[in-house]
Amino acid sequence: MKVSFDFDGTLDREQVQKLALYLLTLDVDVWIHSARFKASDVRPNWNDDILQIANNIGIPISNIVLTESYDKSIFLEDFVWHLDDSSSTIKSINENSNCKGIYYSQYRDTGWEKKCVELIKKKRS
């Protein structure tokens, strides 16, 4: 069972990292899908923060996808859910894939954590 997190504005937040850590204890396959681009000569350390947090949490580097601003829905077909702080990304995922897009906001309670856990439980039963 695979789940996915956006990075900027989502998995870079400590409360979201706690959920990712918890899911790993349940043997859930945790991934990162970020709209960022790969590192380049101009920006050689561009993604060091993603790599550091992934390493701290225990997410394998092979589970990090940099979509280079392509629509994330094309990468998420076999995922249970994707958590993201972009409402337009969530809309696209929900309209164009079987993955459930869940909206995260650091400013208001969207029920994101409950939705994520409930979908995992539902998928397991």
PDB file of N, CA and C in Angstrom:
ATOM      1  N   MET A   1       0.853  -1.173   0.000  1.00  0.00           N
ATOM      2  CA  MET A   1       0.000   0.000   0.000  1.00  0.00           C
ATOM      3  C   MET A   1       0.893   1.229   0.000  1.00  0.00           C
ATOM      4  N   LYS A   2       0.704   2.082  -1.026  1.00  0.00           N
ATOM      5  CA  LYS A   2       1.555   3.255  -1.192  1.00  0.00           C
ATOM      6  C   LYS A   2       0.762   4.540  -0.940  1.00  0.00           C
ATOM      7  N   VAL A   3       1.418   5.454  -0.229  1.00  0.00           N
ATOM      8  CA  VAL A   3       0.875   6.793  -0.011  1.00  0.00           C
ATOM      9  C   VAL A   3       1.954   7.796  -0.389  1.00  0.00           C
ATOM     10  N   SER A   4       1.529   9.030  -0.630  1.00  0.00           N
ATOM     11  CA  SER A   4       2.453  10.037  -1.124  1.00  0.00           C
ATOM     12  C   SER A   4       2.247  11.372  -0.416  1.00  0.00           C
ATOM     13  N   PHE A   5       3.353  12.067  -0.242  1.00  0.00           N
ATOM     14  CA  PHE A   5       3.347  13.405   0.350  1.00  0.00           C
ATOM     15  C   PHE A   5       4.013  14.380  -0.604  1.00  0.00           C
ATOM     16  N   ASP A   6       3.422  15.553  -0.745  1.00  0.00           N
ATOM     17  CA  ASP A   6       4.108  16.683  -1.347  1.00  0.00           C
ATOM     18  C   ASP A   6       5.192  17.089  -0.352  1.00  0.00           C
ATOM     19  N   PHE A   7       6.192  17.827  -0.801  1.00  0.00           N
ATOM     20  CA  PHE A   7       7.232  18.249   0.136  1.00  0.00           C
ATOM     21  C   PHE A   7       7.042  19.686   0.610  1.00  0.00           C
ATOM     22  N   ASP A   8       7.217  20.646  -0.277  1.00  0.00           N
ATOM     23  CA  ASP A   8       7.178  22.057   0.133  1.00  0.00           C
ATOM     24  C   ASP A   8       5.791  22.437   0.630  1.00  0.00           C
ATOM     25  N   GLY A   9       5.733  22.890   1.869  1.00  0.00           N
ATOM     26  CA  GLY A   9       4.454  23.274   2.470  1.00  0.00           C
ATOM     27  C   GLY A   9       3.680  22.102   3.037  1.00  0.00           C
ATOM     28  N   THR A  10       4.254  20.905   2.961  1.00  0.00           N
ATOM     29  CA  THR A  10       3.560  19.714   3.456  1.00  0.00           C
ATOM     30  C   THR A  10       4.523  18.864   4.288  1.00  0.00           C
ATOM     31  N   LEU A  11       5.300  18.001   3.649  1.00  0.00           N
ATOM     32  CA  LEU A  11       6.187  17.117   4.413  1.00  0.00           C
ATOM     33  C   LEU A  11       7.343  17.867   5.068  1.00  0.00           C
ATOM     34  N   ASP A  12       7.566  19.095   4.688  1.00  0.00           N
ATOM     35  CA  ASP A  12       8.587  19.880   5.392  1.00  0.00           C
ATOM     36  C   ASP A  12       8.066  20.393   6.740  1.00  0.00           C
ATOM     37  N   ARG A  13       6.804  20.110   7.056  1.00  0.00           N
ATOM     38  CA  ARG A  13       6.193  20.482   8.340  1.00  0.00           C
ATOM     39  C   ARG A  13       6.301  19.321   9.331  1.00  0.00           C
ATOM     40  N   GLU A  14       6.673  19.633  10.549  1.00  0.00           N
ATOM     41  CA  GLU A  14       6.923  18.604  11.565  1.00  0.00           C
ATOM     42  C   GLU A  14       5.703  17.721  11.832  1.00  0.00           C
ATOM     43  N   GLN A  15       4.511  18.307  11.886  1.00  0.00           N
ATOM     44  CA  GLN A  15       3.314  17.498  12.174  1.00  0.00           C
ATOM     45  C   GLN A  15       3.038  16.489  11.065  1.00  0.00           C
ATOM     46  N   VAL A  16       3.372  16.830   9.831  1.00  0.00           N
ATOM     47  CA  VAL A  16       3.195  15.905   8.716  1.00  0.00           C
ATOM     48  C   VAL A  16       4.273  14.820   8.763  1.00  0.00           C
ATOM     49  N   GLN A  17       5.473  15.194   9.143  1.00  0.00           N
ATOM     50  CA  GLN A  17       6.550  14.221   9.295  1.00  0.00           C
ATOM     51  C   GLN A  17       6.182  13.163  10.344  1.00  0.00           C
ATOM     52  N   LYS A  18       5.497  13.568  11.392  1.00  0.00           N
ATOM     53  CA  LYS A  18       5.063  12.610  12.421  1.00  0.00           C
ATOM     54  C   LYS A  18       4.119  11.568  11.834  1.00  0.00           C
ATOM     55  N   LEU A  19       3.221  11.985  10.952  1.00  0.00           N
ATOM     56  CA  LEU A  19       2.321  11.032  10.307  1.00  0.00           C
ATOM     57  C   LEU A  19       3.119  10.066   9.433  1.00  0.00           C
ATOM     58  N   ALA A  20       4.072  10.586   8.662  1.00  0.00           N
ATOM     59  CA  ALA A  20       4.893   9.722   7.802  1.00  0.00           C
ATOM     60  C   ALA A  20       5.651   8.688   8.640  1.00  0.00           C
ATOM     61  N   LEU A  21       6.212   9.116   9.756  1.00  0.00           N
ATOM     62  CA  LEU A  21       6.915   8.187  10.657  1.00  0.00           C
ATOM     63  C   LEU A  21       5.970   7.106  11.172  1.00  0.00           C
ATOM     64  N   TYR A  22       4.787   7.506  11.571  1.00  0.00           N
ATOM     65  CA  TYR A  22       3.785   6.555  12.064  1.00  0.00           C
ATOM     66  C   TYR A  22       3.419   5.539  10.981  1.00  0.00           C
ATOM     67  N   LEU A  23       3.202   6.009   9.765  1.00  0.00           N
ATOM     68  CA  LEU A  23       2.825   5.119   8.676  1.00  0.00           C
ATOM     69  C   LEU A  23       3.918   4.100   8.374  1.00  0.00           C
ATOM     70  N   LEU A  24       5.165   4.518   8.487  1.00  0.00           N
ATOM     71  CA  LEU A  24       6.266   3.584   8.262  1.00  0.00           C
ATOM     72  C   LEU A  24       6.265   2.465   9.302  1.00  0.00           C
ATOM     73  N   THR A  25       5.834   2.761  10.533  1.00  0.00           N
ATOM     74  CA  THR A  25       5.750   1.707  11.551  1.00  0.00           C
ATOM     75  C   THR A  25       4.656   0.701  11.217  1.00  0.00           C
ATOM     76  N   LEU A  26       3.713   1.099  10.371  1.00  0.00           N
ATOM     77  CA  LEU A  26       2.627   0.214   9.931  1.00  0.00           C
ATOM     78  C   LEU A  26       2.985  -0.497   8.619  1.00  0.00           C
ATOM     79  N   ASP A  27       4.229  -0.361   8.185  1.00  0.00           N
ATOM     80  CA  ASP A  27       4.713  -0.939   6.923  1.00  0.00           C
ATOM     81  C   ASP A  27       3.992  -0.393   5.698  1.00  0.00           C
ATOM     82  N   VAL A  28       3.590   0.862   5.766  1.00  0.00           N
ATOM     83  CA  VAL A  28       3.026   1.546   4.608  1.00  0.00           C
ATOM     84  C   VAL A  28       4.205   2.046   3.766  1.00  0.00           C
ATOM     85  N   ASP A  29       4.093   1.942   2.462  1.00  0.00           N
ATOM     86  CA  ASP A  29       5.124   2.384   1.530  1.00  0.00           C
ATOM     87  C   ASP A  29       4.959   3.890   1.325  1.00  0.00           C
ATOM     88  N   VAL A  30       5.832   4.686   1.927  1.00  0.00           N
ATOM     89  CA  VAL A  30       5.716   6.147   1.929  1.00  0.00           C
ATOM     90  C   VAL A  30       6.609   6.738   0.834  1.00  0.00           C
ATOM     91  N   TRP A  31       6.016   7.627   0.041  1.00  0.00           N
ATOM     92  CA  TRP A  31       6.702   8.281  -1.069  1.00  0.00           C
ATOM     93  C   TRP A  31       6.605   9.797  -0.949  1.00  0.00           C
ATOM     94  N   ILE A  32       7.482  10.479  -1.665  1.00  0.00           N
ATOM     95  CA  ILE A  32       7.441  11.933  -1.810  1.00  0.00           C
ATOM     96  C   ILE A  32       7.300  12.227  -3.299  1.00  0.00           C
ATOM     97  N   HIS A  33       6.306  13.043  -3.645  1.00  0.00           N
ATOM     98  CA  HIS A  33       6.152  13.556  -5.007  1.00  0.00           C
ATOM     99  C   HIS A  33       6.198  15.076  -4.915  1.00  0.00           C
ATOM    100  N   SER A  34       7.277  15.652  -5.394  1.00  0.00           N
ATOM    101  CA  SER A  34       7.463  17.096  -5.360  1.00  0.00           C
ATOM    102  C   SER A  34       7.516  17.641  -6.787  1.00  0.00           C
ATOM    103  N   ALA A  35       6.963  18.811  -6.979  1.00  0.00           N
ATOM    104  CA  ALA A  35       6.992  19.446  -8.298  1.00  0.00           C
ATOM    105  C   ALA A  35       8.376  19.996  -8.642  1.00  0.00           C
ATOM    106  N   ARG A  36       9.312  19.879  -7.730  1.00  0.00           N
ATOM    107  CA  ARG A  36      10.657  20.414  -7.962  1.00  0.00           C
ATOM    108  C   ARG A  36      11.367  19.735  -9.139  1.00  0.00           C
ATOM    109  N   PHE A  37      12.416  20.418  -9.574  1.00  0.00           N
ATOM    110  CA  PHE A  37      13.283  19.901 -10.619  1.00  0.00           C
ATOM    111  C   PHE A  37      14.506  19.242  -9.993  1.00  0.00           C
ATOM    112  N   LYS A  38      15.162  18.408 -10.760  1.00  0.00           N
ATOM    113  CA  LYS A  38      16.392  17.764 -10.298  1.00  0.00           C
ATOM    114  C   LYS A  38      17.470  18.820 -10.084  1.00  0.00           C
ATOM    115  N   ALA A  39      18.466  18.477  -9.281  1.00  0.00           N
ATOM    116  CA  ALA A  39      19.598  19.372  -9.058  1.00  0.00           C
ATOM    117  C   ALA A  39      20.315  19.610 -10.391  1.00  0.00           C
ATOM    118  N   SER A  40      20.984  20.734 -10.492  1.00  0.00           N
ATOM    119  CA  SER A  40      21.714  21.065 -11.712  1.00  0.00           C
ATOM    120  C   SER A  40      23.025  21.738 -11.329  1.00  0.00           C
ATOM    121  N   ASP A  41      23.815  22.047 -12.329  1.00  0.00           N
ATOM    122  CA  ASP A  41      25.070  22.757 -12.068  1.00  0.00           C
ATOM    123  C   ASP A  41      24.803  24.106 -11.412  1.00  0.00           C
ATOM    124  N   VAL A  42      23.688  24.721 -11.800  1.00  0.00           N
ATOM    125  CA  VAL A  42      23.335  26.031 -11.251  1.00  0.00           C
ATOM    126  C   VAL A  42      22.883  25.897  -9.796  1.00  0.00           C
ATOM    127  N   ARG A  43      22.172  24.819  -9.513  1.00  0.00           N
ATOM    128  CA  ARG A  43      21.656  24.589  -8.159  1.00  0.00           C
ATOM    129  C   ARG A  43      22.023  23.173  -7.697  1.00  0.00           C
ATOM    130  N   PRO A  44      23.287  22.933  -7.387  1.00  0.00           N
ATOM    131  CA  PRO A  44      23.722  21.568  -7.052  1.00  0.00           C
ATOM    132  C   PRO A  44      23.127  21.023  -5.751  1.00  0.00           C
ATOM    133  N   ASN A  45      22.773  21.875  -4.841  1.00  0.00           N
ATOM    134  CA  ASN A  45      22.226  21.442  -3.547  1.00  0.00           C
ATOM    135  C   ASN A  45      20.729  21.712  -3.434  1.00  0.00           C
ATOM    136  N   TRP A  46      20.088  21.896  -4.568  1.00  0.00           N
ATOM    137  CA  TRP A  46      18.691  22.299  -4.662  1.00  0.00           C
ATOM    138  C   TRP A  46      17.757  21.437  -3.821  1.00  0.00           C
ATOM    139  N   ASN A  47      17.998  20.128  -3.767  1.00  0.00           N
ATOM    140  CA  ASN A  47      17.075  19.211  -3.102  1.00  0.00           C
ATOM    141  C   ASN A  47      17.642  18.571  -1.840  1.00  0.00           C
ATOM    142  N   ASP A  48      18.677  19.164  -1.296  1.00  0.00           N
ATOM    143  CA  ASP A  48      19.283  18.603  -0.084  1.00  0.00           C
ATOM    144  C   ASP A  48      18.293  18.533   1.080  1.00  0.00           C
ATOM    145  N   ASP A  49      17.383  19.503   1.170  1.00  0.00           N
ATOM    146  CA  ASP A  49      16.416  19.485   2.276  1.00  0.00           C
ATOM    147  C   ASP A  49      15.451  18.300   2.148  1.00  0.00           C
ATOM    148  N   ILE A  50      15.042  17.973   0.933  1.00  0.00           N
ATOM    149  CA  ILE A  50      14.180  16.809   0.733  1.00  0.00           C
ATOM    150  C   ILE A  50      14.921  15.539   1.137  1.00  0.00           C
ATOM    151  N   LEU A  51      16.156  15.414   0.683  1.00  0.00           N
ATOM    152  CA  LEU A  51      16.955  14.231   0.996  1.00  0.00           C
ATOM    153  C   LEU A  51      17.197  14.090   2.494  1.00  0.00           C
ATOM    154  N   GLN A  52      17.457  15.196   3.162  1.00  0.00           N
ATOM    155  CA  GLN A  52      17.714  15.157   4.602  1.00  0.00           C
ATOM    156  C   GLN A  52      16.473  14.707   5.370  1.00  0.00           C
ATOM    157  N   ILE A  53      15.331  15.278   5.065  1.00  0.00           N
ATOM    158  CA  ILE A  53      14.105  14.906   5.778  1.00  0.00           C
ATOM    159  C   ILE A  53      13.705  13.472   5.440  1.00  0.00           C
ATOM    160  N   ALA A  54      13.831  13.078   4.180  1.00  0.00           N
ATOM    161  CA  ALA A  54      13.535  11.691   3.807  1.00  0.00           C
ATOM    162  C   ALA A  54      14.419  10.733   4.599  1.00  0.00           C
ATOM    163  N   ASN A  55      15.692  11.052   4.702  1.00  0.00           N
ATOM    164  CA  ASN A  55      16.620  10.221   5.457  1.00  0.00           C
ATOM    165  C   ASN A  55      16.248  10.175   6.939  1.00  0.00           C
ATOM    166  N   ASN A  56      15.901  11.318   7.516  1.00  0.00           N
ATOM    167  CA  ASN A  56      15.510  11.379   8.933  1.00  0.00           C
ATOM    168  C   ASN A  56      14.271  10.539   9.217  1.00  0.00           C
ATOM    169  N   ILE A  57      13.333  10.549   8.289  1.00  0.00           N
ATOM    170  CA  ILE A  57      12.076   9.815   8.470  1.00  0.00           C
ATOM    171  C   ILE A  57      12.261   8.326   8.173  1.00  0.00           C
ATOM    172  N   GLY A  58      13.109   8.026   7.189  1.00  0.00           N
ATOM    173  CA  GLY A  58      13.300   6.646   6.765  1.00  0.00           C
ATOM    174  C   GLY A  58      12.664   6.337   5.426  1.00  0.00           C
ATOM    175  N   ILE A  59      12.454   7.373   4.618  1.00  0.00           N
ATOM    176  CA  ILE A  59      11.902   7.200   3.275  1.00  0.00           C
ATOM    177  C   ILE A  59      13.081   6.966   2.329  1.00  0.00           C
ATOM    178  N   PRO A  60      13.088   5.846   1.604  1.00  0.00           N
ATOM    179  CA  PRO A  60      14.198   5.576   0.680  1.00  0.00           C
ATOM    180  C   PRO A  60      14.283   6.619  -0.431  1.00  0.00           C
ATOM    181  N   ILE A  61      15.483   6.901  -0.863  1.00  0.00           N
ATOM    182  CA  ILE A  61      15.689   7.856  -1.949  1.00  0.00           C
ATOM    183  C   ILE A  61      14.939   7.399  -3.204  1.00  0.00           C
ATOM    184  N   SER A  62      14.823   6.096  -3.391  1.00  0.00           N
ATOM    185  CA  SER A  62      14.103   5.567  -4.559  1.00  0.00           C
ATOM    186  C   SER A  62      12.610   5.902  -4.519  1.00  0.00           C
ATOM    187  N   ASN A  63      12.112   6.349  -3.363  1.00  0.00           N
ATOM    188  CA  ASN A  63      10.703   6.722  -3.208  1.00  0.00           C
ATOM    189  C   ASN A  63      10.494   8.233  -3.314  1.00  0.00           C
ATOM    190  N   ILE A  64      11.459   8.937  -3.869  1.00  0.00           N
ATOM    191  CA  ILE A  64      11.336  10.377  -4.085  1.00  0.00           C
ATOM    192  C   ILE A  64      11.204  10.622  -5.583  1.00  0.00           C
ATOM    193  N   VAL A  65      10.099  11.278  -5.971  1.00  0.00           N
ATOM    194  CA  VAL A  65       9.861  11.592  -7.375  1.00  0.00           C
ATOM    195  C   VAL A  65       9.798  13.110  -7.510  1.00  0.00           C
ATOM    196  N   LEU A  66      10.683  13.636  -8.339  1.00  0.00           N
ATOM    197  CA  LEU A  66      10.650  15.060  -8.660  1.00  0.00           C
ATOM    198  C   LEU A  66       9.933  15.179  -9.995  1.00  0.00           C
ATOM    199  N   THR A  67       8.723  15.691  -9.962  1.00  0.00           N
ATOM    200  CA  THR A  67       7.864  15.686 -11.153  1.00  0.00           C
ATOM    201  C   THR A  67       8.208  16.784 -12.151  1.00  0.00           C
ATOM    202  N   GLU A  68       9.092  17.675 -11.780  1.00  0.00           N
ATOM    203  CA  GLU A  68       9.522  18.769 -12.659  1.00  0.00           C
ATOM    204  C   GLU A  68       8.319  19.565 -13.184  1.00  0.00           C
ATOM    205  N   SER A  69       7.389  19.815 -12.282  1.00  0.00           N
ATOM    206  CA  SER A  69       6.174  20.596 -12.539  1.00  0.00           C
ATOM    207  C   SER A  69       5.140  19.903 -13.423  1.00  0.00           C
ATOM    208  N   TYR A  70       5.368  18.629 -13.768  1.00  0.00           N
ATOM    209  CA  TYR A  70       4.320  17.880 -14.462  1.00  0.00           C
ATOM    210  C   TYR A  70       3.187  17.598 -13.490  1.00  0.00           C
ATOM    211  N   ASP A  71       1.997  17.409 -14.010  1.00  0.00           N
ATOM    212  CA  ASP A  71       0.818  17.110 -13.206  1.00  0.00           C
ATOM    213  C   ASP A  71       1.069  15.848 -12.382  1.00  0.00           C
ATOM    214  N   LYS A  72       0.968  15.950 -11.089  1.00  0.00           N
ATOM    215  CA  LYS A  72       1.260  14.819 -10.209  1.00  0.00           C
ATOM    216  C   LYS A  72       0.305  13.653 -10.405  1.00  0.00           C
ATOM    217  N   SER A  73      -0.880  13.915 -10.923  1.00  0.00           N
ATOM    218  CA  SER A  73      -1.853  12.831 -11.082  1.00  0.00           C
ATOM    219  C   SER A  73      -1.317  11.707 -11.973  1.00  0.00           C
ATOM    220  N   ILE A  74      -0.440  12.014 -12.915  1.00  0.00           N
ATOM    221  CA  ILE A  74       0.079  10.981 -13.813  1.00  0.00           C
ATOM    222  C   ILE A  74       1.056  10.044 -13.108  1.00  0.00           C
ATOM    223  N   PHE A  75       1.544  10.430 -11.936  1.00  0.00           N
ATOM    224  CA  PHE A  75       2.499   9.618 -11.181  1.00  0.00           C
ATOM    225  C   PHE A  75       1.829   8.803 -10.076  1.00  0.00           C
ATOM    226  N   LEU A  76       0.557   9.044  -9.804  1.00  0.00           N
ATOM    227  CA  LEU A  76      -0.069   8.548  -8.572  1.00  0.00           C
ATOM    228  C   LEU A  76      -1.164   7.511  -8.773  1.00  0.00           C
ATOM    229  N   GLU A  77      -1.245   6.911  -9.914  1.00  0.00           N
ATOM    230  CA  GLU A  77      -2.359   6.013 -10.231  1.00  0.00           C
ATOM    231  C   GLU A  77      -2.504   4.859  -9.232  1.00  0.00           C
ATOM    232  N   ASP A  78      -1.422   4.298  -8.760  1.00  0.00           N
ATOM    233  CA  ASP A  78      -1.520   3.142  -7.858  1.00  0.00           C
ATOM    234  C   ASP A  78      -1.268   3.499  -6.390  1.00  0.00           C
ATOM    235  N   PHE A  79      -1.512   4.744  -6.036  1.00  0.00           N
ATOM    236  CA  PHE A  79      -1.363   5.200  -4.653  1.00  0.00           C
ATOM    237  C   PHE A  79      -2.734   5.323  -3.993  1.00  0.00           C
ATOM    238  N   VAL A  80      -2.787   5.081  -2.679  1.00  0.00           N
ATOM    239  CA  VAL A  80      -4.038   5.223  -1.933  1.00  0.00           C
ATOM    240  C   VAL A  80      -4.400   6.693  -1.819  1.00  0.00           C
ATOM    241  N   TRP A  81      -3.436   7.519  -1.408  1.00  0.00           N
ATOM    242  CA  TRP A  81      -3.668   8.953  -1.293  1.00  0.00           C
ATOM    243  C   TRP A  81      -2.380   9.739  -1.463  1.00  0.00           C
ATOM    244  N   HIS A  82      -2.568  11.028  -1.728  1.00  0.00           N
ATOM    245  CA  HIS A  82      -1.470  11.991  -1.810  1.00  0.00           C
ATOM    246  C   HIS A  82      -1.890  13.211  -1.008  1.00  0.00           C
ATOM    247  N   LEU A  83      -1.032  13.652  -0.093  1.00  0.00           N
ATOM    248  CA  LEU A  83      -1.289  14.826   0.741  1.00  0.00           C
ATOM    249  C   LEU A  83      -0.534  16.011   0.163  1.00  0.00           C
ATOM    250  N   ASP A  84      -1.236  17.122  -0.044  1.00  0.00           N
ATOM    251  CA  ASP A  84      -0.627  18.273  -0.708  1.00  0.00           C
ATOM    252  C   ASP A  84      -1.274  19.562  -0.205  1.00  0.00           C
ATOM    253  N   ASP A  85      -0.505  20.653  -0.232  1.00  0.00           N
ATOM    254  CA  ASP A  85      -1.039  21.947   0.190  1.00  0.00           C
ATOM    255  C   ASP A  85      -1.541  22.781  -0.978  1.00  0.00           C
ATOM    256  N   SER A  86      -1.567  22.208  -2.164  1.00  0.00           N
ATOM    257  CA  SER A  86      -2.060  22.916  -3.346  1.00  0.00           C
ATOM    258  C   SER A  86      -3.459  22.409  -3.701  1.00  0.00           C
ATOM    259  N   SER A  87      -4.446  23.286  -3.600  1.00  0.00           N
ATOM    260  CA  SER A  87      -5.812  22.872  -3.913  1.00  0.00           C
ATOM    261  C   SER A  87      -5.968  22.504  -5.387  1.00  0.00           C
ATOM    262  N   SER A  88      -5.225  23.152  -6.269  1.00  0.00           N
ATOM    263  CA  SER A  88      -5.325  22.810  -7.691  1.00  0.00           C
ATOM    264  C   SER A  88      -4.710  21.433  -7.957  1.00  0.00           C
ATOM    265  N   THR A  89      -3.653  21.087  -7.250  1.00  0.00           N
ATOM    266  CA  THR A  89      -3.067  19.752  -7.386  1.00  0.00           C
ATOM    267  C   THR A  89      -4.039  18.705  -6.885  1.00  0.00           C
ATOM    268  N   ILE A  90      -4.673  18.958  -5.753  1.00  0.00           N
ATOM    269  CA  ILE A  90      -5.652  18.022  -5.190  1.00  0.00           C
ATOM    270  C   ILE A  90      -6.801  17.822  -6.168  1.00  0.00           C
ATOM    271  N   LYS A  91      -7.284  18.905  -6.748  1.00  0.00           N
ATOM    272  CA  LYS A  91      -8.391  18.820  -7.710  1.00  0.00           C
ATOM    273  C   LYS A  91      -7.991  17.957  -8.901  1.00  0.00           C
ATOM    274  N   SER A  92      -6.813  18.164  -9.428  1.00  0.00           N
ATOM    275  CA  SER A  92      -6.342  17.396 -10.571  1.00  0.00           C
ATOM    276  C   SER A  92      -6.195  15.913 -10.229  1.00  0.00           C
ATOM    277  N   ILE A  93      -5.636  15.609  -9.083  1.00  0.00           N
ATOM    278  CA  ILE A  93      -5.476  14.210  -8.665  1.00  0.00           C
ATOM    279  C   ILE A  93      -6.835  13.541  -8.553  1.00  0.00           C
ATOM    280  N   ASN A  94      -7.787  14.218  -7.903  1.00  0.00           N
ATOM    281  CA  ASN A  94      -9.111  13.623  -7.707  1.00  0.00           C
ATOM    282  C   ASN A  94      -9.882  13.467  -9.015  1.00  0.00           C
ATOM    283  N   GLU A  95      -9.608  14.313  -9.984  1.00  0.00           N
ATOM    284  CA  GLU A  95     -10.312  14.233 -11.273  1.00  0.00           C
ATOM    285  C   GLU A  95      -9.643  13.295 -12.274  1.00  0.00           C
ATOM    286  N   ASN A  96      -8.337  13.082 -12.128  1.00  0.00           N
ATOM    287  CA  ASN A  96      -7.590  12.394 -13.180  1.00  0.00           C
ATOM    288  C   ASN A  96      -6.889  11.104 -12.758  1.00  0.00           C
ATOM    289  N   SER A  97      -7.138  10.624 -11.555  1.00  0.00           N
ATOM    290  CA  SER A  97      -6.495   9.378 -11.118  1.00  0.00           C
ATOM    291  C   SER A  97      -7.395   8.667 -10.114  1.00  0.00           C
ATOM    292  N   ASN A  98      -7.004   7.451  -9.775  1.00  0.00           N
ATOM    293  CA  ASN A  98      -7.712   6.691  -8.743  1.00  0.00           C
ATOM    294  C   ASN A  98      -7.197   7.015  -7.352  1.00  0.00           C
ATOM    295  N   CYS A  99      -6.145   7.795  -7.269  1.00  0.00           N
ATOM    296  CA  CYS A  99      -5.572   8.218  -5.997  1.00  0.00           C
ATOM    297  C   CYS A  99      -6.483   9.276  -5.370  1.00  0.00           C
ATOM    298  N   LYS A 100      -6.605   9.257  -4.065  1.00  0.00           N
ATOM    299  CA  LYS A 100      -7.390  10.264  -3.346  1.00  0.00           C
ATOM    300  C   LYS A 100      -6.470  11.420  -2.963  1.00  0.00           C
ATOM    301  N   GLY A 101      -6.744  12.591  -3.487  1.00  0.00           N
ATOM    302  CA  GLY A 101      -6.001  13.783  -3.102  1.00  0.00           C
ATOM    303  C   GLY A 101      -6.577  14.350  -1.817  1.00  0.00           C
ATOM    304  N   ILE A 102      -5.700  14.618  -0.852  1.00  0.00           N
ATOM    305  CA  ILE A 102      -6.122  15.167   0.445  1.00  0.00           C
ATOM    306  C   ILE A 102      -5.414  16.499   0.647  1.00  0.00           C
ATOM    307  N   TYR A 103      -6.215  17.509   0.967  1.00  0.00           N
ATOM    308  CA  TYR A 103      -5.681  18.861   1.134  1.00  0.00           C
ATOM    309  C   TYR A 103      -5.133  19.076   2.538  1.00  0.00           C
ATOM    310  N   TYR A 104      -3.913  19.623   2.603  1.00  0.00           N
ATOM    311  CA  TYR A 104      -3.269  19.963   3.869  1.00  0.00           C
ATOM    312  C   TYR A 104      -3.116  21.481   3.949  1.00  0.00           C
ATOM    313  N   SER A 105      -3.403  22.028   5.130  1.00  0.00           N
ATOM    314  CA  SER A 105      -3.153  23.442   5.386  1.00  0.00           C
ATOM    315  C   SER A 105      -2.535  23.580   6.762  1.00  0.00           C
ATOM    316  N   GLN A 106      -1.470  24.348   6.833  1.00  0.00           N
ATOM    317  CA  GLN A 106      -0.863  24.607   8.137  1.00  0.00           C
ATOM    318  C   GLN A 106      -1.629  25.696   8.901  1.00  0.00           C
ATOM    319  N   TYR A 107      -2.558  26.353   8.226  1.00  0.00           N
ATOM    320  CA  TYR A 107      -3.261  27.481   8.822  1.00  0.00           C
ATOM    321  C   TYR A 107      -4.651  27.153   9.351  1.00  0.00           C
ATOM    322  N   ARG A 108      -5.230  26.065   8.868  1.00  0.00           N
ATOM    323  CA  ARG A 108      -6.563  25.689   9.359  1.00  0.00           C
ATOM    324  C   ARG A 108      -6.701  24.173   9.357  1.00  0.00           C
ATOM    325  N   ASP A 109      -7.584  23.689  10.188  1.00  0.00           N
ATOM    326  CA  ASP A 109      -7.802  22.254  10.299  1.00  0.00           C
ATOM    327  C   ASP A 109      -8.674  21.787   9.143  1.00  0.00           C
ATOM    328  N   THR A 110      -8.102  20.954   8.284  1.00  0.00           N
ATOM    329  CA  THR A 110      -8.842  20.409   7.152  1.00  0.00           C
ATOM    330  C   THR A 110      -9.219  18.944   7.396  1.00  0.00           C
ATOM    331  N   GLY A 111      -8.860  18.429   8.571  1.00  0.00           N
ATOM    332  CA  GLY A 111      -9.131  17.027   8.870  1.00  0.00           C
ATOM    333  C   GLY A 111      -8.207  16.084   8.120  1.00  0.00           C
ATOM    334  N   TRP A 112      -7.108  16.608   7.626  1.00  0.00           N
ATOM    335  CA  TRP A 112      -6.186  15.846   6.773  1.00  0.00           C
ATOM    336  C   TRP A 112      -5.666  14.574   7.436  1.00  0.00           C
ATOM    337  N   GLU A 113      -5.262  14.669   8.690  1.00  0.00           N
ATOM    338  CA  GLU A 113      -4.660  13.507   9.344  1.00  0.00           C
ATOM    339  C   GLU A 113      -5.677  12.379   9.525  1.00  0.00           C
ATOM    340  N   LYS A 114      -6.864  12.733   9.944  1.00  0.00           N
ATOM    341  CA  LYS A 114      -7.928  11.742  10.122  1.00  0.00           C
ATOM    342  C   LYS A 114      -8.269  11.080   8.788  1.00  0.00           C
ATOM    343  N   LYS A 115      -8.372  11.882   7.725  1.00  0.00           N
ATOM    344  CA  LYS A 115      -8.680  11.348   6.399  1.00  0.00           C
ATOM    345  C   LYS A 115      -7.600  10.366   5.945  1.00  0.00           C
ATOM    346  N   CYS A 116      -6.355  10.724   6.163  1.00  0.00           N
ATOM    347  CA  CYS A 116      -5.244   9.854   5.757  1.00  0.00           C
ATOM    348  C   CYS A 116      -5.296   8.515   6.481  1.00  0.00           C
ATOM    349  N   VAL A 117      -5.453   8.551   7.791  1.00  0.00           N
ATOM    350  CA  VAL A 117      -5.465   7.325   8.592  1.00  0.00           C
ATOM    351  C   VAL A 117      -6.692   6.476   8.265  1.00  0.00           C
ATOM    352  N   GLU A 118      -7.843   7.107   8.098  1.00  0.00           N
ATOM    353  CA  GLU A 118      -9.062   6.354   7.783  1.00  0.00           C
ATOM    354  C   GLU A 118      -8.957   5.633   6.440  1.00  0.00           C
ATOM    355  N   LEU A 119      -8.347   6.261   5.467  1.00  0.00           N
ATOM    356  CA  LEU A 119      -8.182   5.613   4.165  1.00  0.00           C
ATOM    357  C   LEU A 119      -7.243   4.409   4.249  1.00  0.00           C
ATOM    358  N   ILE A 120      -6.228   4.499   5.093  1.00  0.00           N
ATOM    359  CA  ILE A 120      -5.318   3.365   5.304  1.00  0.00           C
ATOM    360  C   ILE A 120      -6.090   2.215   5.948  1.00  0.00           C
ATOM    361  N   LYS A 121      -6.843   2.536   6.992  1.00  0.00           N
ATOM    362  CA  LYS A 121      -7.631   1.495   7.674  1.00  0.00           C
ATOM    363  C   LYS A 121      -8.637   0.846   6.735  1.00  0.00           C
ATOM    364  N   LYS A 122      -9.306   1.662   5.935  1.00  0.00           N
ATOM    365  CA  LYS A 122     -10.308   1.155   4.997  1.00  0.00           C
ATOM    366  C   LYS A 122      -9.660   0.233   3.961  1.00  0.00           C
ATOM    367  N   LYS A 123      -8.514   0.615   3.472  1.00  0.00           N
ATOM    368  CA  LYS A 123      -7.813  -0.168   2.451  1.00  0.00           C
ATOM    369  C   LYS A 123      -7.355  -1.507   3.030  1.00  0.00           C
ATOM    370  N   ARG A 124      -7.017  -1.531   4.320  1.00  0.00           N
ATOM    371  CA  ARG A 124      -6.538  -2.750   4.950  1.00  0.00           C
ATOM    372  C   ARG A 124      -7.648  -3.728   5.280  1.00  0.00           C
ATOM    373  N   SER A 125      -8.882  -3.235   5.414  1.00  0.00           N
ATOM    374  CA  SER A 125      -9.990  -4.146   5.794  1.00  0.00           C
ATOM    375  C   SER A 125     -10.656  -4.782   4.601  1.00  0.00           C
TER     376      SER A 125
END
